[in-house]
Amino acid sequence: EELSRFDVVLFGDVDPRGGWLSQAQMTMLLDYVGNEGGGFGVVAGERFGLHRYLGTPLEKLLAVRIDPEFLGRYESALVSGFHPVITREGVASGLLRRAAASAAVGRTRSAAANAEAAPDRVFDELPELYWLARTLGPKPGATVYMEHPSMRTRPERGQDPPPAPILVGG
């Protein structure tokens, strides 16, 4: 009942295996998303990345396939930043238009309108990102809104590996 007051539950760098979330609470989250139409999102972090969801009931709610070989840390320091590439789906989505318009707050009214019309340009002006949770790519039916400019997922059966997804919706 408490979850019905919200549109989405968002976890940021959270360990679903850390003992703070019971099996019953995970089941409630599955019901909230599957039956009540609520949203669920994860902002993966270096401490508790997506690999911690592997084998938990919450794995079903993720829009990406977890890479079991990636444990949240890269082998060397990440010293080069990047700007995410907005996909066609990302440009077309209301989600990124609103995010781009919010990022343009404090600028002129025309800058905010331009940001909403062309969200891909606004993200180029924001600080670079340095880390992302490596995955095996989106699950079937998921939509990739942002992707890495050069990093690729692992190739599958003779196919060219697609760009590494950054923002994915299910």
N, C-alpha and C. Protein backbone atom coordinates (compact mmCIF):
# COMPACT_ATOMS: atom_id res chain seq x y z
N GLU A 1 0.81 -1.19 0.00
CA GLU A 1 0.00 0.00 0.00
C GLU A 1 0.86 1.25 0.00
N GLU A 2 1.95 1.22 0.75
CA GLU A 2 2.82 2.39 0.80
C GLU A 2 3.42 2.71 -0.57
N LEU A 3 3.77 1.69 -1.34
CA LEU A 3 4.38 1.91 -2.64
C LEU A 3 3.41 2.54 -3.63
N SER A 4 2.12 2.34 -3.46
CA SER A 4 1.15 2.88 -4.41
C SER A 4 1.14 4.40 -4.45
N ARG A 5 1.73 5.05 -3.48
CA ARG A 5 1.81 6.52 -3.47
C ARG A 5 2.87 7.03 -4.44
N PHE A 6 3.72 6.14 -4.95
CA PHE A 6 4.85 6.54 -5.78
C PHE A 6 4.69 6.02 -7.20
N ASP A 7 5.33 6.72 -8.13
CA ASP A 7 5.34 6.28 -9.53
C ASP A 7 6.48 5.32 -9.81
N VAL A 8 7.59 5.51 -9.09
CA VAL A 8 8.79 4.71 -9.35
C VAL A 8 9.59 4.54 -8.06
N VAL A 9 10.25 3.40 -7.95
CA VAL A 9 11.22 3.15 -6.88
C VAL A 9 12.57 3.12 -7.56
N LEU A 10 13.49 3.93 -7.06
CA LEU A 10 14.81 4.05 -7.67
C LEU A 10 15.87 3.67 -6.65
N PHE A 11 16.71 2.69 -7.00
CA PHE A 11 17.83 2.29 -6.15
C PHE A 11 19.10 2.90 -6.71
N GLY A 12 19.93 3.48 -5.87
CA GLY A 12 21.21 4.02 -6.30
C GLY A 12 22.35 3.36 -5.54
N ASP A 13 23.20 2.63 -6.26
CA ASP A 13 24.36 1.94 -5.66
C ASP A 13 23.94 1.13 -4.43
N VAL A 14 22.90 0.34 -4.59
CA VAL A 14 22.30 -0.43 -3.51
C VAL A 14 22.66 -1.90 -3.66
N ASP A 15 22.94 -2.54 -2.53
CA ASP A 15 23.22 -3.97 -2.53
C ASP A 15 21.96 -4.74 -2.15
N PRO A 16 21.29 -5.38 -3.13
CA PRO A 16 20.07 -6.12 -2.79
C PRO A 16 20.34 -7.36 -1.96
N ARG A 17 21.60 -7.71 -1.80
CA ARG A 17 21.97 -8.87 -0.99
C ARG A 17 22.52 -8.46 0.37
N GLY A 18 22.45 -7.17 0.69
CA GLY A 18 23.06 -6.64 1.91
C GLY A 18 22.28 -6.87 3.18
N GLY A 19 21.12 -7.52 3.12
CA GLY A 19 20.36 -7.83 4.32
C GLY A 19 19.37 -6.75 4.72
N TRP A 20 19.37 -5.64 4.08
CA TRP A 20 18.43 -4.56 4.44
C TRP A 20 17.09 -4.72 3.73
N LEU A 21 17.04 -5.59 2.71
CA LEU A 21 15.82 -5.81 1.94
C LEU A 21 15.44 -7.28 2.09
N SER A 22 14.28 -7.55 2.64
CA SER A 22 13.86 -8.94 2.87
C SER A 22 13.32 -9.56 1.58
N GLN A 23 13.18 -10.86 1.60
CA GLN A 23 12.59 -11.59 0.47
C GLN A 23 11.16 -11.10 0.24
N ALA A 24 10.43 -10.85 1.32
CA ALA A 24 9.05 -10.36 1.21
C ALA A 24 9.02 -8.97 0.56
N GLN A 25 9.97 -8.12 0.89
CA GLN A 25 10.01 -6.78 0.28
C GLN A 25 10.35 -6.87 -1.21
N MET A 26 11.25 -7.79 -1.56
CA MET A 26 11.55 -7.98 -2.98
C MET A 26 10.30 -8.45 -3.73
N THR A 27 9.55 -9.35 -3.11
CA THR A 27 8.30 -9.83 -3.72
C THR A 27 7.31 -8.68 -3.86
N MET A 28 7.25 -7.80 -2.87
CA MET A 28 6.36 -6.63 -2.96
C MET A 28 6.77 -5.73 -4.13
N LEU A 29 8.07 -5.54 -4.34
CA LEU A 29 8.55 -4.73 -5.46
C LEU A 29 8.17 -5.38 -6.79
N LEU A 30 8.30 -6.69 -6.88
CA LEU A 30 7.89 -7.40 -8.10
C LEU A 30 6.40 -7.20 -8.37
N ASP A 31 5.59 -7.27 -7.33
CA ASP A 31 4.15 -7.06 -7.46
C ASP A 31 3.85 -5.61 -7.84
N TYR A 32 4.54 -4.68 -7.22
CA TYR A 32 4.37 -3.25 -7.49
C TYR A 32 4.61 -2.95 -8.97
N VAL A 33 5.65 -3.53 -9.55
CA VAL A 33 5.96 -3.30 -10.96
C VAL A 33 5.06 -4.14 -11.86
N GLY A 34 4.95 -5.42 -11.58
CA GLY A 34 4.23 -6.32 -12.47
C GLY A 34 2.72 -6.19 -12.44
N ASN A 35 2.15 -5.90 -11.28
CA ASN A 35 0.70 -5.86 -11.15
C ASN A 35 0.12 -4.47 -10.93
N GLU A 36 0.89 -3.61 -10.31
CA GLU A 36 0.39 -2.28 -9.99
C GLU A 36 0.83 -1.22 -11.00
N GLY A 37 1.75 -1.58 -11.90
CA GLY A 37 2.20 -0.64 -12.92
C GLY A 37 3.24 0.36 -12.45
N GLY A 38 3.85 0.11 -11.31
CA GLY A 38 4.89 0.99 -10.81
C GLY A 38 6.19 0.80 -11.58
N GLY A 39 7.06 1.77 -11.48
CA GLY A 39 8.35 1.69 -12.14
C GLY A 39 9.44 1.33 -11.16
N PHE A 40 10.51 0.76 -11.69
CA PHE A 40 11.67 0.41 -10.87
C PHE A 40 12.91 0.75 -11.67
N GLY A 41 13.84 1.42 -11.04
CA GLY A 41 15.09 1.77 -11.72
C GLY A 41 16.28 1.57 -10.81
N VAL A 42 17.42 1.35 -11.43
CA VAL A 42 18.67 1.17 -10.70
C VAL A 42 19.72 2.10 -11.29
N VAL A 43 20.35 2.87 -10.42
CA VAL A 43 21.53 3.64 -10.80
C VAL A 43 22.69 2.83 -10.23
N ALA A 44 23.32 2.06 -11.10
CA ALA A 44 24.40 1.16 -10.65
C ALA A 44 25.60 1.98 -10.23
N GLY A 45 26.27 1.54 -9.21
CA GLY A 45 27.46 2.22 -8.73
C GLY A 45 28.63 1.27 -8.63
N GLU A 46 29.77 1.83 -8.34
CA GLU A 46 31.00 1.02 -8.25
C GLU A 46 30.96 0.04 -7.09
N ARG A 47 30.30 0.41 -6.01
CA ARG A 47 30.29 -0.47 -4.83
C ARG A 47 29.33 -1.64 -5.01
N PHE A 48 28.11 -1.35 -5.44
CA PHE A 48 27.10 -2.40 -5.56
C PHE A 48 26.46 -2.32 -6.93
N GLY A 49 27.18 -2.76 -7.92
CA GLY A 49 26.72 -2.72 -9.30
C GLY A 49 25.68 -3.77 -9.59
N LEU A 50 25.35 -3.88 -10.84
CA LEU A 50 24.29 -4.78 -11.28
C LEU A 50 24.58 -6.24 -10.95
N HIS A 51 25.85 -6.61 -10.88
CA HIS A 51 26.18 -8.01 -10.60
C HIS A 51 25.58 -8.49 -9.28
N ARG A 52 25.30 -7.57 -8.35
CA ARG A 52 24.71 -7.95 -7.07
C ARG A 52 23.23 -8.36 -7.21
N TYR A 53 22.61 -8.04 -8.35
CA TYR A 53 21.22 -8.41 -8.59
C TYR A 53 21.10 -9.80 -9.21
N LEU A 54 22.21 -10.33 -9.70
CA LEU A 54 22.22 -11.63 -10.36
C LEU A 54 21.69 -12.70 -9.41
N GLY A 55 20.66 -13.43 -9.86
CA GLY A 55 20.09 -14.51 -9.05
C GLY A 55 19.10 -14.06 -7.99
N THR A 56 18.83 -12.76 -7.89
CA THR A 56 17.82 -12.28 -6.94
C THR A 56 16.49 -12.12 -7.68
N PRO A 57 15.38 -12.05 -6.95
CA PRO A 57 14.10 -11.80 -7.62
C PRO A 57 14.09 -10.47 -8.40
N LEU A 58 14.87 -9.48 -7.95
CA LEU A 58 14.89 -8.17 -8.60
C LEU A 58 15.58 -8.18 -9.95
N GLU A 59 16.35 -9.24 -10.25
CA GLU A 59 16.99 -9.34 -11.56
C GLU A 59 15.95 -9.26 -12.68
N LYS A 60 14.76 -9.79 -12.44
CA LYS A 60 13.69 -9.77 -13.44
C LYS A 60 13.29 -8.34 -13.83
N LEU A 61 13.47 -7.40 -12.93
CA LEU A 61 13.04 -6.03 -13.16
C LEU A 61 14.04 -5.20 -13.96
N LEU A 62 15.25 -5.71 -14.12
CA LEU A 62 16.28 -4.96 -14.84
C LEU A 62 16.06 -5.05 -16.35
N ALA A 63 16.32 -3.96 -17.04
CA ALA A 63 16.14 -3.91 -18.50
C ALA A 63 17.38 -4.36 -19.25
N VAL A 64 18.43 -4.74 -18.52
CA VAL A 64 19.68 -5.20 -19.15
C VAL A 64 20.01 -6.60 -18.67
N ARG A 65 20.84 -7.27 -19.47
CA ARG A 65 21.35 -8.58 -19.09
C ARG A 65 22.65 -8.36 -18.32
N ILE A 66 22.72 -8.91 -17.15
CA ILE A 66 23.87 -8.71 -16.27
C ILE A 66 25.07 -9.48 -16.79
N ASP A 67 26.23 -8.83 -16.80
CA ASP A 67 27.48 -9.50 -17.16
C ASP A 67 28.05 -10.11 -15.89
N PRO A 68 28.00 -11.43 -15.74
CA PRO A 68 28.47 -12.06 -14.50
C PRO A 68 29.97 -11.92 -14.29
N GLU A 69 30.71 -11.55 -15.32
CA GLU A 69 32.15 -11.38 -15.19
C GLU A 69 32.55 -10.00 -14.70
N PHE A 70 31.61 -9.05 -14.71
CA PHE A 70 31.92 -7.69 -14.28
C PHE A 70 31.46 -7.52 -12.84
N LEU A 71 32.40 -7.32 -11.95
CA LEU A 71 32.09 -7.23 -10.53
C LEU A 71 32.09 -5.79 -10.02
N GLY A 72 31.89 -4.83 -10.91
CA GLY A 72 31.75 -3.44 -10.49
C GLY A 72 33.01 -2.61 -10.58
N ARG A 73 34.15 -3.26 -10.70
CA ARG A 73 35.40 -2.51 -10.75
C ARG A 73 36.16 -2.87 -12.02
N TYR A 74 36.75 -1.83 -12.62
CA TYR A 74 37.58 -2.05 -13.79
C TYR A 74 39.00 -2.37 -13.34
N GLU A 75 39.76 -3.02 -14.22
CA GLU A 75 41.11 -3.45 -13.87
C GLU A 75 42.07 -2.29 -13.68
N SER A 76 41.83 -1.19 -14.36
CA SER A 76 42.70 -0.02 -14.21
C SER A 76 41.85 1.21 -13.95
N ALA A 77 42.50 2.26 -13.49
CA ALA A 77 41.79 3.50 -13.18
C ALA A 77 41.18 4.08 -14.46
N LEU A 78 39.99 4.61 -14.32
CA LEU A 78 39.31 5.24 -15.46
C LEU A 78 39.69 6.71 -15.47
N VAL A 79 40.55 7.09 -16.40
CA VAL A 79 41.06 8.46 -16.43
C VAL A 79 40.48 9.27 -17.58
N SER A 80 39.83 8.62 -18.52
CA SER A 80 39.23 9.33 -19.65
C SER A 80 37.72 9.34 -19.49
N GLY A 81 37.16 10.53 -19.50
CA GLY A 81 35.72 10.66 -19.39
C GLY A 81 35.06 10.54 -20.75
N PHE A 82 33.75 10.51 -20.74
CA PHE A 82 32.99 10.41 -22.00
C PHE A 82 31.65 11.10 -21.83
N HIS A 83 31.09 11.50 -22.93
CA HIS A 83 29.72 12.00 -22.97
C HIS A 83 28.86 10.90 -23.59
N PRO A 84 27.74 10.57 -22.97
CA PRO A 84 26.88 9.54 -23.53
C PRO A 84 26.34 9.97 -24.89
N VAL A 85 26.09 8.99 -25.73
CA VAL A 85 25.46 9.22 -27.02
C VAL A 85 23.97 8.96 -26.84
N ILE A 86 23.16 9.92 -27.23
CA ILE A 86 21.71 9.76 -27.14
C ILE A 86 21.26 9.02 -28.40
N THR A 87 20.54 7.93 -28.23
CA THR A 87 20.04 7.17 -29.38
C THR A 87 18.82 7.88 -29.99
N ARG A 88 18.38 7.41 -31.15
CA ARG A 88 17.17 7.97 -31.76
C ARG A 88 15.98 7.85 -30.80
N GLU A 89 15.90 6.72 -30.14
CA GLU A 89 14.82 6.50 -29.18
C GLU A 89 14.93 7.48 -28.01
N GLY A 90 16.16 7.78 -27.61
CA GLY A 90 16.38 8.74 -26.54
C GLY A 90 15.96 10.14 -26.93
N VAL A 91 16.31 10.54 -28.16
CA VAL A 91 15.91 11.86 -28.65
C VAL A 91 14.39 11.97 -28.71
N ALA A 92 13.74 10.88 -29.11
CA ALA A 92 12.29 10.89 -29.26
C ALA A 92 11.55 10.80 -27.92
N SER A 93 12.24 10.39 -26.86
CA SER A 93 11.55 10.14 -25.59
C SER A 93 11.29 11.44 -24.84
N GLY A 94 10.15 11.50 -24.22
CA GLY A 94 9.81 12.62 -23.36
C GLY A 94 10.71 12.67 -22.14
N LEU A 95 11.17 11.51 -21.69
CA LEU A 95 12.03 11.42 -20.52
C LEU A 95 13.28 12.28 -20.69
N LEU A 96 13.99 12.11 -21.79
CA LEU A 96 15.22 12.86 -21.98
C LEU A 96 14.95 14.32 -22.35
N ARG A 97 13.84 14.59 -22.97
CA ARG A 97 13.50 15.99 -23.25
C ARG A 97 13.32 16.75 -21.95
N ARG A 98 12.61 16.14 -21.01
CA ARG A 98 12.40 16.80 -19.71
C ARG A 98 13.70 16.91 -18.94
N ALA A 99 14.53 15.87 -19.01
CA ALA A 99 15.83 15.92 -18.32
C ALA A 99 16.71 17.01 -18.91
N ALA A 100 16.72 17.12 -20.23
CA ALA A 100 17.52 18.15 -20.89
C ALA A 100 17.01 19.54 -20.53
N ALA A 101 15.70 19.71 -20.48
CA ALA A 101 15.13 21.01 -20.12
C ALA A 101 15.48 21.35 -18.67
N SER A 102 15.47 20.36 -17.79
CA SER A 102 15.87 20.59 -16.39
C SER A 102 17.33 20.98 -16.29
N ALA A 103 18.17 20.36 -17.11
CA ALA A 103 19.60 20.68 -17.10
C ALA A 103 19.85 22.10 -17.59
N ALA A 104 18.92 22.63 -18.38
CA ALA A 104 19.07 23.98 -18.94
C ALA A 104 18.49 25.06 -18.03
N VAL A 105 17.97 24.67 -16.85
CA VAL A 105 17.39 25.64 -15.93
C VAL A 105 18.45 26.67 -15.58
N GLY A 106 18.05 27.90 -15.51
CA GLY A 106 18.99 28.98 -15.21
C GLY A 106 19.51 29.65 -16.46
N ARG A 107 19.28 29.05 -17.60
CA ARG A 107 19.66 29.66 -18.86
C ARG A 107 18.48 30.47 -19.38
N THR A 108 18.61 31.01 -20.52
CA THR A 108 17.52 31.77 -21.11
C THR A 108 16.34 30.86 -21.44
N ARG A 109 15.18 31.47 -21.60
CA ARG A 109 13.99 30.69 -21.95
C ARG A 109 14.19 29.97 -23.28
N SER A 110 14.85 30.62 -24.24
CA SER A 110 15.08 29.97 -25.53
C SER A 110 16.06 28.82 -25.39
N ALA A 111 17.03 28.91 -24.48
CA ALA A 111 17.97 27.80 -24.25
C ALA A 111 17.23 26.58 -23.71
N ALA A 112 16.30 26.83 -22.78
CA ALA A 112 15.52 25.72 -22.24
C ALA A 112 14.63 25.10 -23.32
N ALA A 113 14.05 25.93 -24.17
CA ALA A 113 13.21 25.40 -25.27
C ALA A 113 14.06 24.62 -26.25
N ASN A 114 15.27 25.12 -26.56
CA ASN A 114 16.18 24.40 -27.46
C ASN A 114 16.60 23.07 -26.83
N ALA A 115 16.81 23.06 -25.53
CA ALA A 115 17.20 21.83 -24.84
C ALA A 115 16.11 20.79 -24.95
N GLU A 116 14.87 21.23 -24.82
CA GLU A 116 13.77 20.27 -24.92
C GLU A 116 13.62 19.76 -26.35
N ALA A 117 13.92 20.62 -27.31
CA ALA A 117 13.79 20.22 -28.72
C ALA A 117 14.95 19.32 -29.16
N ALA A 118 16.13 19.53 -28.62
CA ALA A 118 17.32 18.75 -29.02
C ALA A 118 18.08 18.32 -27.78
N PRO A 119 17.57 17.31 -27.04
CA PRO A 119 18.21 16.91 -25.79
C PRO A 119 19.62 16.39 -25.94
N ASP A 120 19.96 15.85 -27.10
CA ASP A 120 21.29 15.28 -27.28
C ASP A 120 22.38 16.34 -27.16
N ARG A 121 22.11 17.55 -27.51
CA ARG A 121 23.14 18.61 -27.44
C ARG A 121 23.38 19.06 -26.01
N VAL A 122 22.35 19.06 -25.18
CA VAL A 122 22.51 19.52 -23.80
C VAL A 122 23.44 18.60 -23.03
N PHE A 123 23.32 17.30 -23.24
CA PHE A 123 24.14 16.36 -22.49
C PHE A 123 25.61 16.50 -22.84
N ASP A 124 25.93 16.99 -24.03
CA ASP A 124 27.32 17.22 -24.40
C ASP A 124 27.94 18.34 -23.58
N GLU A 125 27.11 19.23 -23.05
CA GLU A 125 27.60 20.36 -22.27
C GLU A 125 27.78 20.03 -20.79
N LEU A 126 27.26 18.90 -20.36
CA LEU A 126 27.38 18.49 -18.96
C LEU A 126 28.75 17.86 -18.72
N PRO A 127 29.18 17.77 -17.46
CA PRO A 127 30.47 17.13 -17.17
C PRO A 127 30.51 15.69 -17.69
N GLU A 128 31.71 15.24 -18.01
CA GLU A 128 31.88 13.88 -18.53
C GLU A 128 31.58 12.84 -17.45
N LEU A 129 31.18 11.68 -17.91
CA LEU A 129 31.03 10.51 -17.04
C LEU A 129 32.33 9.72 -17.11
N TYR A 130 32.60 8.94 -16.08
CA TYR A 130 33.82 8.12 -16.07
C TYR A 130 33.55 6.64 -15.87
N TRP A 131 32.42 6.29 -15.33
CA TRP A 131 32.15 4.91 -14.97
C TRP A 131 30.78 4.51 -15.48
N LEU A 132 30.64 3.25 -15.86
CA LEU A 132 29.34 2.67 -16.13
C LEU A 132 29.39 1.20 -15.80
N ALA A 133 28.23 0.65 -15.49
CA ALA A 133 28.15 -0.78 -15.21
C ALA A 133 28.15 -1.52 -16.53
N ARG A 134 29.18 -2.32 -16.74
CA ARG A 134 29.26 -3.10 -17.98
C ARG A 134 28.18 -4.19 -17.94
N THR A 135 27.46 -4.33 -19.03
CA THR A 135 26.39 -5.34 -19.13
C THR A 135 26.58 -6.14 -20.41
N LEU A 136 25.71 -7.12 -20.60
CA LEU A 136 25.69 -7.88 -21.84
C LEU A 136 24.72 -7.26 -22.84
N GLY A 137 24.18 -6.11 -22.51
CA GLY A 137 23.27 -5.40 -23.40
C GLY A 137 21.85 -5.44 -22.89
N PRO A 138 20.95 -4.81 -23.63
CA PRO A 138 19.55 -4.75 -23.19
C PRO A 138 18.88 -6.11 -23.32
N LYS A 139 17.87 -6.32 -22.49
CA LYS A 139 17.03 -7.51 -22.63
C LYS A 139 16.13 -7.31 -23.84
N PRO A 140 15.64 -8.41 -24.43
CA PRO A 140 14.71 -8.27 -25.56
C PRO A 140 13.52 -7.39 -25.18
N GLY A 141 13.18 -6.47 -26.06
CA GLY A 141 12.06 -5.57 -25.83
C GLY A 141 12.41 -4.30 -25.09
N ALA A 142 13.62 -4.22 -24.53
CA ALA A 142 14.03 -3.01 -23.81
C ALA A 142 14.46 -1.94 -24.81
N THR A 143 14.42 -0.70 -24.36
CA THR A 143 14.78 0.44 -25.21
C THR A 143 16.03 1.10 -24.65
N VAL A 144 17.04 1.29 -25.51
CA VAL A 144 18.27 1.97 -25.11
C VAL A 144 18.11 3.45 -25.45
N TYR A 145 18.25 4.30 -24.43
CA TYR A 145 18.12 5.74 -24.60
C TYR A 145 19.47 6.44 -24.70
N MET A 146 20.47 5.89 -24.01
CA MET A 146 21.83 6.44 -24.05
C MET A 146 22.80 5.28 -24.12
N GLU A 147 23.91 5.51 -24.85
CA GLU A 147 24.93 4.47 -24.95
C GLU A 147 26.31 5.11 -24.91
N HIS A 148 27.30 4.28 -24.67
CA HIS A 148 28.69 4.73 -24.60
C HIS A 148 29.17 5.05 -26.02
N PRO A 149 29.98 6.10 -26.18
CA PRO A 149 30.44 6.45 -27.53
C PRO A 149 31.40 5.44 -28.16
N SER A 150 32.12 4.64 -27.34
CA SER A 150 33.09 3.71 -27.94
C SER A 150 33.08 2.32 -27.31
N MET A 151 32.73 2.19 -26.05
CA MET A 151 32.73 0.88 -25.39
C MET A 151 31.63 0.00 -25.97
N ARG A 152 31.95 -1.26 -26.13
CA ARG A 152 31.00 -2.23 -26.70
C ARG A 152 30.70 -3.32 -25.69
N THR A 153 29.56 -3.98 -25.87
CA THR A 153 29.26 -5.16 -25.07
C THR A 153 30.08 -6.32 -25.62
N ARG A 154 30.07 -7.45 -24.92
CA ARG A 154 30.78 -8.62 -25.44
C ARG A 154 30.05 -9.15 -26.66
N PRO A 155 30.79 -9.56 -27.70
CA PRO A 155 30.14 -10.08 -28.91
C PRO A 155 29.44 -11.42 -28.63
N GLU A 156 28.37 -11.65 -29.36
CA GLU A 156 27.64 -12.91 -29.25
C GLU A 156 27.61 -13.60 -30.60
N ARG A 157 28.05 -14.83 -30.66
CA ARG A 157 27.93 -15.72 -31.82
C ARG A 157 28.13 -15.03 -33.17
N GLY A 158 29.29 -14.49 -33.37
CA GLY A 158 29.63 -13.93 -34.67
C GLY A 158 28.99 -12.60 -35.00
N GLN A 159 28.26 -11.99 -34.09
CA GLN A 159 27.64 -10.70 -34.34
C GLN A 159 28.59 -9.58 -33.90
N ASP A 160 28.43 -8.43 -34.54
CA ASP A 160 29.16 -7.26 -34.07
C ASP A 160 28.57 -6.82 -32.74
N PRO A 161 29.43 -6.55 -31.76
CA PRO A 161 28.88 -6.16 -30.46
C PRO A 161 28.28 -4.74 -30.53
N PRO A 162 27.10 -4.56 -29.96
CA PRO A 162 26.50 -3.23 -29.96
C PRO A 162 27.18 -2.33 -28.93
N PRO A 163 26.96 -1.02 -29.03
CA PRO A 163 27.51 -0.12 -28.02
C PRO A 163 27.00 -0.48 -26.62
N ALA A 164 27.82 -0.21 -25.63
CA ALA A 164 27.43 -0.47 -24.23
C ALA A 164 26.32 0.48 -23.84
N PRO A 165 25.20 -0.06 -23.35
CA PRO A 165 24.08 0.81 -22.96
C PRO A 165 24.37 1.52 -21.65
N ILE A 166 23.87 2.73 -21.53
CA ILE A 166 24.00 3.51 -20.29
C ILE A 166 22.65 3.72 -19.63
N LEU A 167 21.66 4.09 -20.42
CA LEU A 167 20.30 4.30 -19.90
C LEU A 167 19.35 3.44 -20.72
N VAL A 168 18.69 2.50 -20.02
CA VAL A 168 17.83 1.52 -20.69
C VAL A 168 16.51 1.45 -19.95
N GLY A 169 15.42 1.39 -20.69
CA GLY A 169 14.09 1.23 -20.12
C GLY A 169 13.44 -0.04 -20.60
N GLY A 170 12.64 -0.65 -19.74
CA GLY A 170 12.03 -1.91 -20.10
C GLY A 170 10.60 -1.82 -20.50
